[in-house]
C-alpha atoms as a PDB file:
ATOM      1  CA  UNK A   1    -111.939  62.480 -97.801  1.00  0.00           C
ATOM      2  CA  UNK A   2    -110.121  65.384 -96.888  1.00  0.00           C
ATOM      3  CA  UNK A   3    -109.351  65.767-100.871  1.00  0.00           C
ATOM      4  CA  UNK A   4    -112.425  64.960-101.805  1.00  0.00           C
ATOM      5  CA  UNK A   5    -114.323  67.599 -99.449  1.00  0.00           C
ATOM      6  CA  UNK A   6    -111.953  70.114-100.693  1.00  0.00           C
ATOM      7  CA  UNK A   7    -112.580  69.767-104.390  1.00  0.00           C
ATOM      8  CA  UNK A   8    -116.439  69.241-103.701  1.00  0.00           C
ATOM      9  CA  UNK A   9    -116.071  72.904-101.499  1.00  0.00           C
ATOM     10  CA  UNK A  10    -113.857  74.747-104.062  1.00  0.00           C
ATOM     11  CA  UNK A  11    -116.201  73.496-107.052  1.00  0.00           C
ATOM     12  CA  UNK A  12    -119.799  75.142-104.669  1.00  0.00           C
ATOM     13  CA  UNK A  13    -117.665  78.220-104.628  1.00  0.00           C
ATOM     14  CA  UNK A  14    -116.855  78.540-108.195  1.00  0.00           C
ATOM     15  CA  UNK A  15    -120.248  78.161-108.704  1.00  0.00           C
ATOM     16  CA  UNK A  16    -121.524  80.668-106.482  1.00  0.00           C
ATOM     17  CA  UNK A  17    -119.210  83.021-108.280  1.00  0.00           C
ATOM     18  CA  UNK A  18    -120.089  82.430-111.205  1.00  0.00           C
ATOM     19  CA  UNK A  19    -123.633  82.865-110.196  1.00  0.00           C
ATOM     20  CA  UNK A  20    -122.854  86.761-109.164  1.00  0.00           C
ATOM     21  CA  UNK A  21    -120.592  86.892-112.776  1.00  0.00           C
ATOM     22  CA  UNK A  22    -124.004  87.978-114.950  1.00  0.00           C
ATOM     23  CA  UNK A  23    -123.664  91.096-117.363  1.00  0.00           C
ATOM     24  CA  UNK A  24    -125.122  94.131-116.022  1.00  0.00           C
ATOM     25  CA  UNK A  25    -128.599  94.622-116.732  1.00  0.00           C
ATOM     26  CA  UNK A  26    -128.671  97.087-120.028  1.00  0.00           C
ATOM     27  CA  UNK A  27    -131.274  99.766-120.574  1.00  0.00           C
ATOM     28  CA  UNK A  28    -134.428  99.020-122.892  1.00  0.00           C
ATOM     29  CA  UNK A  29    -134.999 101.342-125.954  1.00  0.00           C
ATOM     30  CA  UNK A  30    -137.474 100.719-127.763  1.00  0.00           C
ATOM     31  CA  UNK A  31    -138.393 102.352-130.964  1.00  0.00           C
ATOM     32  CA  UNK A  32    -141.916 104.619-131.803  1.00  0.00           C
ATOM     33  CA  UNK A  33    -143.742 102.684-134.623  1.00  0.00           C
ATOM     34  CA  UNK A  34    -142.625 102.987-137.865  1.00  0.00           C
ATOM     35  CA  UNK A  35    -139.115 103.347-136.941  1.00  0.00           C
ATOM     36  CA  UNK A  36    -136.204 101.335-137.129  1.00  0.00           C
ATOM     37  CA  UNK A  37    -133.221 101.337-134.102  1.00  0.00           C
ATOM     38  CA  UNK A  38    -130.765 101.930-134.870  1.00  0.00           C
ATOM     39  CA  UNK A  39    -131.119 105.588-136.264  1.00  0.00           C
ATOM     40  CA  UNK A  40    -128.814 106.146-139.314  1.00  0.00           C
ATOM     41  CA  UNK A  41    -126.784 108.514-138.022  1.00  0.00           C
ATOM     42  CA  UNK A  42    -124.244 109.702-136.689  1.00  0.00           C
ATOM     43  CA  UNK A  43    -123.326 111.256-133.413  1.00  0.00           C
ATOM     44  CA  UNK A  44    -121.094 112.172-130.986  1.00  0.00           C
ATOM     45  CA  UNK A  45    -121.148 111.863-126.848  1.00  0.00           C
ATOM     46  CA  UNK A  46    -118.937 112.733-124.075  1.00  0.00           C
ATOM     47  CA  UNK A  47    -119.262 112.436-120.301  1.00  0.00           C
ATOM     48  CA  UNK A  48    -119.778 115.372-118.691  1.00  0.00           C
ATOM     49  CA  UNK A  49    -116.837 117.219-117.098  1.00  0.00           C
ATOM     50  CA  UNK A  50    -118.796 117.401-113.812  1.00  0.00           C
ATOM     51  CA  UNK A  51    -119.485 113.843-113.765  1.00  0.00           C
ATOM     52  CA  UNK A  52    -118.036 112.400-110.353  1.00  0.00           C
ATOM     53  CA  UNK A  53    -115.781 108.841-110.618  1.00  0.00           C
ATOM     54  CA  UNK A  54    -116.889 107.567-107.327  1.00  0.00           C
ATOM     55  CA  UNK A  55    -119.860 108.098-104.903  1.00  0.00           C
ATOM     56  CA  UNK A  56    -120.150 107.196-101.176  1.00  0.00           C
ATOM     57  CA  UNK A  57    -122.998 105.848 -99.053  1.00  0.00           C
ATOM     58  CA  UNK A  58    -122.420 104.812 -95.264  1.00  0.00           C
ATOM     59  CA  UNK A  59    -124.419 103.279 -92.914  1.00  0.00           C
ATOM     60  CA  UNK A  60    -123.650 103.362 -89.350  1.00  0.00           C
ATOM     61  CA  UNK A  61    -119.675 102.396 -89.039  1.00  0.00           C
ATOM     62  CA  UNK A  62    -120.179 101.259 -92.614  1.00  0.00           C
ATOM     63  CA  UNK A  63    -118.853 103.321 -95.799  1.00  0.00           C
ATOM     64  CA  UNK A  64    -118.798 102.196 -98.950  1.00  0.00           C
ATOM     65  CA  UNK A  65    -117.247 104.065-101.976  1.00  0.00           C
ATOM     66  CA  UNK A  66    -118.816 102.739-105.493  1.00  0.00           C
ATOM     67  CA  UNK A  67    -117.322 103.407-108.817  1.00  0.00           C
ATOM     68  CA  UNK A  68    -120.140 106.148-109.864  1.00  0.00           C
ATOM     69  CA  UNK A  69    -118.800 106.842-113.137  1.00  0.00           C
ATOM     70  CA  UNK A  70    -118.185 103.112-114.324  1.00  0.00           C
ATOM     71  CA  UNK A  71    -121.850 102.266-113.589  1.00  0.00           C
ATOM     72  CA  UNK A  72    -122.790 105.553-115.284  1.00  0.00           C
ATOM     73  CA  UNK A  73    -121.061 104.765-118.002  1.00  0.00           C
ATOM     74  CA  UNK A  74    -122.076 101.042-118.543  1.00  0.00           C
ATOM     75  CA  UNK A  75    -125.559 101.905-119.198  1.00  0.00           C
ATOM     76  CA  UNK A  76    -124.776 105.031-120.699  1.00  0.00           C
ATOM     77  CA  UNK A  77    -122.570 103.472-123.722  1.00  0.00           C
ATOM     78  CA  UNK A  78    -125.272 100.425-125.034  1.00  0.00           C
ATOM     79  CA  UNK A  79    -128.077 102.961-124.708  1.00  0.00           C
ATOM     80  CA  UNK A  80    -126.259 105.612-127.192  1.00  0.00           C
ATOM     81  CA  UNK A  81    -125.447 102.203-129.396  1.00  0.00           C
ATOM     82  CA  UNK A  82    -129.006 100.988-129.575  1.00  0.00           C
ATOM     83  CA  UNK A  83    -130.141 104.487-130.397  1.00  0.00           C
ATOM     84  CA  UNK A  84    -127.458 105.711-133.113  1.00  0.00           C
ATOM     85  CA  UNK A  85    -125.732 103.209-135.951  1.00  0.00           C
ATOM     86  CA  UNK A  86    -123.110 105.208-135.614  1.00  0.00           C
ATOM     87  CA  UNK A  87    -122.030 106.856-131.886  1.00  0.00           C
ATOM     88  CA  UNK A  88    -118.545 107.963-131.441  1.00  0.00           C
ATOM     89  CA  UNK A  89    -116.501 109.374-128.808  1.00  0.00           C
ATOM     90  CA  UNK A  90    -116.525 113.359-129.246  1.00  0.00           C
ATOM     91  CA  UNK A  91    -112.736 114.381-129.622  1.00  0.00           C
ATOM     92  CA  UNK A  92    -111.547 117.968-128.248  1.00  0.00           C
ATOM     93  CA  UNK A  93    -114.067 119.385-130.772  1.00  0.00           C
ATOM     94  CA  UNK A  94    -116.261 117.304-132.618  1.00  0.00           C
ATOM     95  CA  UNK A  95    -118.559 118.961-135.215  1.00  0.00           C
ATOM     96  CA  UNK A  96    -122.062 117.881-135.365  1.00  0.00           C
ATOM     97  CA  UNK A  97    -124.256 116.874-132.652  1.00  0.00           C
ATOM     98  CA  UNK A  98    -123.005 116.239-129.044  1.00  0.00           C
ATOM     99  CA  UNK A  99    -124.541 113.571-125.957  1.00  0.00           C
ATOM    100  CA  UNK A 100    -122.999 115.131-123.183  1.00  0.00           C
ATOM    101  CA  UNK A 101    -124.140 112.249-120.757  1.00  0.00           C
ATOM    102  CA  UNK A 102    -123.821 112.450-116.470  1.00  0.00           C
ATOM    103  CA  UNK A 103    -125.333 110.424-113.774  1.00  0.00           C
ATOM    104  CA  UNK A 104    -125.933 110.585-110.254  1.00  0.00           C
ATOM    105  CA  UNK A 105    -127.076 108.054-108.001  1.00  0.00           C
ATOM    106  CA  UNK A 106    -128.236 108.186-104.177  1.00  0.00           C
ATOM    107  CA  UNK A 107    -128.525 105.003-101.623  1.00  0.00           C
ATOM    108  CA  UNK A 108    -130.971 104.571 -98.479  1.00  0.00           C
ATOM    109  CA  UNK A 109    -129.064 102.307 -96.717  1.00  0.00           C
ATOM    110  CA  UNK A 110    -131.922 101.648 -94.499  1.00  0.00           C
ATOM    111  CA  UNK A 111    -133.878 100.446 -96.551  1.00  0.00           C
ATOM    112  CA  UNK A 112    -131.816  99.193 -99.599  1.00  0.00           C
ATOM    113  CA  UNK A 113    -133.517 101.850-102.065  1.00  0.00           C
ATOM    114  CA  UNK A 114    -131.159 102.731-104.993  1.00  0.00           C
ATOM    115  CA  UNK A 115    -131.936 105.709-107.130  1.00  0.00           C
ATOM    116  CA  UNK A 116    -130.217 106.993-109.974  1.00  0.00           C
ATOM    117  CA  UNK A 117    -130.901 109.915-112.428  1.00  0.00           C
ATOM    118  CA  UNK A 118    -129.223 109.829-116.011  1.00  0.00           C
ATOM    119  CA  UNK A 119    -128.678 113.443-117.872  1.00  0.00           C
ATOM    120  CA  UNK A 120    -128.023 114.044-121.567  1.00  0.00           C
ATOM    121  CA  UNK A 121    -127.449 117.663-122.554  1.00  0.00           C
ATOM    122  CA  UNK A 122    -127.466 117.785-126.520  1.00  0.00           C
ATOM    123  CA  UNK A 123    -125.234 120.377-128.326  1.00  0.00           C
ATOM    124  CA  UNK A 124    -125.300 121.187-132.071  1.00  0.00           C
ATOM    125  CA  UNK A 125    -120.746 122.045-132.079  1.00  0.00           C
ATOM    126  CA  UNK A 126    -119.225 123.222-134.899  1.00  0.00           C
ATOM    127  CA  UNK A 127    -115.521 124.320-134.252  1.00  0.00           C
ATOM    128  CA  UNK A 128    -116.167 127.908-133.262  1.00  0.00           C
ATOM    129  CA  UNK A 129    -119.360 127.722-131.440  1.00  0.00           C
ATOM    130  CA  UNK A 130    -121.724 125.059-129.573  1.00  0.00           C
ATOM    131  CA  UNK A 131    -125.684 125.795-129.098  1.00  0.00           C
ATOM    132  CA  UNK A 132    -127.626 123.394-126.996  1.00  0.00           C
ATOM    133  CA  UNK A 133    -130.876 122.064-128.741  1.00  0.00           C
ATOM    134  CA  UNK A 134    -131.700 118.987-125.676  1.00  0.00           C
ATOM    135  CA  UNK A 135    -131.681 118.176-122.503  1.00  0.00           C
ATOM    136  CA  UNK A 136    -132.785 115.248-120.997  1.00  0.00           C
ATOM    137  CA  UNK A 137    -133.554 113.447-117.174  1.00  0.00           C
ATOM    138  CA  UNK A 138    -134.367 109.888-117.133  1.00  0.00           C
ATOM    139  CA  UNK A 139    -134.770 108.190-113.180  1.00  0.00           C
ATOM    140  CA  UNK A 140    -135.003 104.880-111.644  1.00  0.00           C
ATOM    141  CA  UNK A 141    -134.905 103.203-108.940  1.00  0.00           C
ATOM    142  CA  UNK A 142    -134.194  99.373-107.064  1.00  0.00           C
ATOM    143  CA  UNK A 143    -133.666  97.474-104.317  1.00  0.00           C
ATOM    144  CA  UNK A 144    -130.754  95.107-103.549  1.00  0.00           C
ATOM    145  CA  UNK A 145    -128.741  93.847-101.355  1.00  0.00           C
ATOM    146  CA  UNK A 146    -126.977  96.974 -99.284  1.00  0.00           C
ATOM    147  CA  UNK A 147    -123.705  97.991-100.929  1.00  0.00           C
ATOM    148  CA  UNK A 148    -123.845  96.302-104.033  1.00  0.00           C
ATOM    149  CA  UNK A 149    -123.801  97.417-107.088  1.00  0.00           C
ATOM    150  CA  UNK A 150    -125.785  95.050-109.174  1.00  0.00           C
ATOM    151  CA  UNK A 151    -129.330  97.295-107.950  1.00  0.00           C
ATOM    152  CA  UNK A 152    -127.042 100.869-108.685  1.00  0.00           C
ATOM    153  CA  UNK A 153    -126.684  98.922-112.378  1.00  0.00           C
ATOM    154  CA  UNK A 154    -130.546  98.210-112.481  1.00  0.00           C
ATOM    155  CA  UNK A 155    -131.545 101.972-111.687  1.00  0.00           C
ATOM    156  CA  UNK A 156    -129.425 103.358-114.137  1.00  0.00           C
ATOM    157  CA  UNK A 157    -130.813 100.892-117.000  1.00  0.00           C
ATOM    158  CA  UNK A 158    -134.079 102.179-116.012  1.00  0.00           C
ATOM    159  CA  UNK A 159    -132.682 106.157-115.605  1.00  0.00           C
ATOM    160  CA  UNK A 160    -131.072 105.409-119.373  1.00  0.00           C
ATOM    161  CA  UNK A 161    -134.457 103.765-120.774  1.00  0.00           C
ATOM    162  CA  UNK A 162    -136.080 106.651-119.774  1.00  0.00           C
ATOM    163  CA  UNK A 163    -134.095 108.687-120.965  1.00  0.00           C
ATOM    164  CA  UNK A 164    -133.545 107.131-124.433  1.00  0.00           C
ATOM    165  CA  UNK A 165    -137.847 107.276-124.598  1.00  0.00           C
ATOM    166  CA  UNK A 166    -137.469 110.950-124.001  1.00  0.00           C
ATOM    167  CA  UNK A 167    -134.960 111.415-126.784  1.00  0.00           C
ATOM    168  CA  UNK A 168    -136.803 109.710-129.188  1.00  0.00           C
ATOM    169  CA  UNK A 169    -139.864 111.642-128.422  1.00  0.00           C
ATOM    170  CA  UNK A 170    -138.361 114.877-129.321  1.00  0.00           C
ATOM    171  CA  UNK A 171    -139.358 115.518-132.816  1.00  0.00           C
ATOM    172  CA  UNK A 172    -136.999 118.467-133.604  1.00  0.00           C
ATOM    173  CA  UNK A 173    -134.237 116.817-131.904  1.00  0.00           C
ATOM    174  CA  UNK A 174    -134.857 113.456-134.049  1.00  0.00           C
ATOM    175  CA  UNK A 175    -135.494 116.004-137.464  1.00  0.00           C
ATOM    176  CA  UNK A 176    -131.796 117.310-136.494  1.00  0.00           C
ATOM    177  CA  UNK A 177    -130.126 114.402-136.040  1.00  0.00           C
ATOM    178  CA  UNK A 178    -132.017 111.449-138.805  1.00  0.00           C
ATOM    179  CA  UNK A 179    -134.055 113.474-141.259  1.00  0.00           C
ATOM    180  CA  UNK A 180    -135.217 110.013-142.644  1.00  0.00           C
ATOM    181  CA  UNK A 181    -135.763 108.521-139.183  1.00  0.00           C
ATOM    182  CA  UNK A 182    -138.348 111.793-138.252  1.00  0.00           C
ATOM    183  CA  UNK A 183    -140.198 111.301-142.290  1.00  0.00           C
ATOM    184  CA  UNK A 184    -140.452 107.592-140.787  1.00  0.00           C
ATOM    185  CA  UNK A 185    -141.842 109.016-137.552  1.00  0.00           C
ATOM    186  CA  UNK A 186    -144.467 111.351-138.985  1.00  0.00           C
ATOM    187  CA  UNK A 187    -145.385 108.490-141.437  1.00  0.00           C
ATOM    188  CA  UNK A 188    -146.538 106.165-138.762  1.00  0.00           C
ATOM    189  CA  UNK A 189    -148.216 109.373-136.653  1.00  0.00           C
ATOM    190  CA  UNK A 190    -150.333 109.804-139.928  1.00  0.00           C
ATOM    191  CA  UNK A 191    -151.249 106.460-140.170  1.00  0.00           C
ATOM    192  CA  UNK A 192    -152.652 106.089-136.397  1.00  0.00           C
ATOM    193  CA  UNK A 193    -154.479 109.540-136.818  1.00  0.00           C
ATOM    194  CA  UNK A 194    -156.251 108.005-139.803  1.00  0.00           C
ATOM    195  CA  UNK A 195    -157.442 104.835-137.918  1.00  0.00           C
END
């Protein structure tokens, strides 16, 4: 009888544990009319040097240290893969379009509110210089169990979804990244205006 109860309890615990291992939410990247994603372009990405790896939130005697850098990267990398056909980690001095990604979050433990901000500074980089060609900022909020990673993942997914919309809406940046995508966007805009 004890063995049966122990097996039943272990099975129940494993089933409950499986419920908490769902993959993190992904940013939703939506193409403008007439554009097919991912864009046929090679771009580079890097994490901003100022990105902090850990953050801290407290409520009363409880302090929670969470992996800010990992949570930001878990949302940023799928966005880059959904946007571009060939995103690659920037080497020491990669030539081309470089997205420098960062994020920050805050938690209001009193109301279980999680906020995240995603930032992309976009540079045109050569061996001898770099020029800022775009700055984008998305925000997201989520509610959830206090001191839990899941609501932070949701907030970051929302923030990077907003960021992707801004990137795709920047006609000049799209022209520099993927001239073919820019032409399709202009054709779609012309068709919409003609209707």
